[in-house]
C-alpha atoms as a PDB file:
ATOM      1  CA  PHE A   1     102.241 112.218 113.998  1.00  0.00           C
ATOM      2  CA  VAL A   2     105.294 114.500 114.103  1.00  0.00           C
ATOM      3  CA  ALA A   3     107.576 111.739 112.794  1.00  0.00           C
ATOM      4  CA  TYR A   4     105.252 111.207 109.825  1.00  0.00           C
ATOM      5  CA  GLN A   5     105.173 114.934 109.066  1.00  0.00           C
ATOM      6  CA  LYS A   6     108.969 115.040 109.102  1.00  0.00           C
ATOM      7  CA  ALA A   7     109.158 112.009 106.800  1.00  0.00           C
ATOM      8  CA  ASP A   8     106.587 113.572 104.481  1.00  0.00           C
ATOM      9  CA  SER A   9     108.533 116.841 104.303  1.00  0.00           C
ATOM     10  CA  GLN A  10     111.743 114.989 103.472  1.00  0.00           C
ATOM     11  CA  MET A  11     110.021 112.849 100.840  1.00  0.00           C
ATOM     12  CA  THR A  12     108.453 115.951  99.267  1.00  0.00           C
ATOM     13  CA  ILE A  13     111.875 117.568  98.949  1.00  0.00           C
ATOM     14  CA  VAL A  14     113.222 114.517  97.128  1.00  0.00           C
ATOM     15  CA  TYR A  15     110.101 114.344  94.929  1.00  0.00           C
ATOM     16  CA  LYS A  16     110.523 117.978  93.868  1.00  0.00           C
ATOM     17  CA  LYS A  17     114.209 117.393  93.107  1.00  0.00           C
ATOM     18  CA  VAL A  18     113.310 114.414  90.927  1.00  0.00           C
ATOM     19  CA  LEU A  19     110.710 116.487  89.061  1.00  0.00           C
ATOM     20  CA  LYS A  20     113.340 119.165  88.393  1.00  0.00           C
ATOM     21  CA  LYS A  21     115.809 116.546  87.217  1.00  0.00           C
ATOM     22  CA  LEU A  22     113.444 115.030  84.671  1.00  0.00           C
ATOM     23  CA  THR A  23     113.519 116.849  81.360  1.00  0.00           C
ATOM     24  CA  ASP A  24     111.179 114.607  79.382  1.00  0.00           C
ATOM     25  CA  LEU A  25     107.547 115.726  79.721  1.00  0.00           C
ATOM     26  CA  LYS A  26     106.206 112.160  79.530  1.00  0.00           C
ATOM     27  CA  GLN A  27     108.529 111.081  82.324  1.00  0.00           C
ATOM     28  CA  LYS A  28     107.414 114.026  84.472  1.00  0.00           C
ATOM     29  CA  GLN A  29     103.753 113.262  83.850  1.00  0.00           C
ATOM     30  CA  ALA A  30     104.334 109.596  84.656  1.00  0.00           C
ATOM     31  CA  LEU A  31     106.028 110.497  87.935  1.00  0.00           C
ATOM     32  CA  ILE A  32     103.256 112.923  88.885  1.00  0.00           C
ATOM     33  CA  GLN A  33     100.616 110.256  88.213  1.00  0.00           C
ATOM     34  CA  ALA A  34     102.631 107.637  90.080  1.00  0.00           C
ATOM     35  CA  GLN A  35     102.912 109.971  93.074  1.00  0.00           C
ATOM     36  CA  ARG A  36      99.180 110.625  93.071  1.00  0.00           C
ATOM     37  CA  ASN A  37      98.490 106.887  92.914  1.00  0.00           C
ATOM     38  CA  TRP A  38     101.013 106.237  95.663  1.00  0.00           C
ATOM     39  CA  ILE A  39      99.334 108.795  97.953  1.00  0.00           C
ATOM     40  CA  LYS A  40      95.962 107.101  97.440  1.00  0.00           C
ATOM     41  CA  TYR A  41      97.517 103.702  98.118  1.00  0.00           C
ATOM     42  CA  LYS A  42      99.351 104.935 101.235  1.00  0.00           C
ATOM     43  CA  GLU A  43      96.209 106.404 102.748  1.00  0.00           C
ATOM     44  CA  ALA A  44      94.014 103.391 101.918  1.00  0.00           C
ATOM     45  CA  HIS A  45      96.584 100.860 103.106  1.00  0.00           C
ATOM     46  CA  CYS A  46      97.274 102.617 106.391  1.00  0.00           C
ATOM     47  CA  LYS A  47      93.576 103.103 107.034  1.00  0.00           C
ATOM     48  CA  ALA A  48      93.007  99.387 106.500  1.00  0.00           C
ATOM     49  CA  ILE A  49      95.830  98.515 108.902  1.00  0.00           C
ATOM     50  CA  ALA A  50      94.620 101.025 111.504  1.00  0.00           C
ATOM     51  CA  ASP A  51      91.042  99.800 111.203  1.00  0.00           C
ATOM     52  CA  LEU A  52      92.196  96.529 112.734  1.00  0.00           C
ATOM     53  CA  TYR A  53      92.438  98.576 115.940  1.00  0.00           C
ATOM     54  CA  GLU A  54      89.069 100.335 115.537  1.00  0.00           C
ATOM     55  CA  GLY A  55      87.805 101.549 118.873  1.00  0.00           C
ATOM     56  CA  GLY A  56      91.168 101.021 120.518  1.00  0.00           C
ATOM     57  CA  SER A  57      93.637 103.550 121.797  1.00  0.00           C
ATOM     58  CA  MET A  58      96.382 102.273 119.477  1.00  0.00           C
ATOM     59  CA  ARG A  59      94.541 103.058 116.233  1.00  0.00           C
ATOM     60  CA  GLY A  60      96.014 106.547 115.798  1.00  0.00           C
ATOM     61  CA  MET A  61      99.538 105.412 116.564  1.00  0.00           C
ATOM     62  CA  VAL A  62      99.267 102.472 114.170  1.00  0.00           C
ATOM     63  CA  TYR A  63      97.971 104.770 111.418  1.00  0.00           C
ATOM     64  CA  SER A  64     100.710 107.340 111.967  1.00  0.00           C
ATOM     65  CA  ASN A  65     103.456 104.705 112.102  1.00  0.00           C
ATOM     66  CA  CYS A  66     102.184 103.158 108.895  1.00  0.00           C
ATOM     67  CA  LEU A  67     102.188 106.529 107.134  1.00  0.00           C
ATOM     68  CA  GLU A  68     105.714 107.217 108.341  1.00  0.00           C
ATOM     69  CA  THR A  69     107.017 103.814 107.236  1.00  0.00           C
ATOM     70  CA  LEU A  70     105.512 103.979 103.762  1.00  0.00           C
ATOM     71  CA  THR A  71     106.623 107.585 103.292  1.00  0.00           C
ATOM     72  CA  ASN A  72     110.214 106.734 104.200  1.00  0.00           C
ATOM     73  CA  GLU A  73     110.069 103.822 101.752  1.00  0.00           C
ATOM     74  CA  ARG A  74     108.761 106.129  99.029  1.00  0.00           C
ATOM     75  CA  LYS A  75     111.544 108.612  99.715  1.00  0.00           C
ATOM     76  CA  GLY A  76     114.036 105.795  99.199  1.00  0.00           C
ATOM     77  CA  ASN A  77     112.303 104.801  95.967  1.00  0.00           C
ATOM     78  CA  LEU A  78     112.485 108.360  94.691  1.00  0.00           C
ATOM     79  CA  GLU A  79     116.152 108.632  95.610  1.00  0.00           C
ATOM     80  CA  THR A  80     116.916 105.870  93.092  1.00  0.00           C
ATOM     81  CA  TYR A  81     116.484 108.510  90.386  1.00  0.00           C
ATOM     82  CA  PHE A  82     119.821 109.930  91.561  1.00  0.00           C
ATOM     83  CA  GLU A  83     121.811 106.671  91.756  1.00  0.00           C
ATOM     84  CA  ASN A  84     123.499 107.202  88.392  1.00  0.00           C
ATOM     85  CA  ASP A  85     124.473 110.838  88.984  1.00  0.00           C
END
């Protein structure tokens, strides 16, 4: 779970930088909504994957690894806002 927490902290830093970079209110609101939707998706998706291991000792690890993977992907997606800087 530690690896996921680290990934989440790093992604949050990038997210906050993107929010500061955006000057258009509509763009900021769109990003905020997208982030909220992404969080819901991440949690639902990883729960569904982990539920394949319901009752097994691997369930927690599968869930945590899924969260970490998707969070690192999201961080990369957010970093694209800085590609043209």
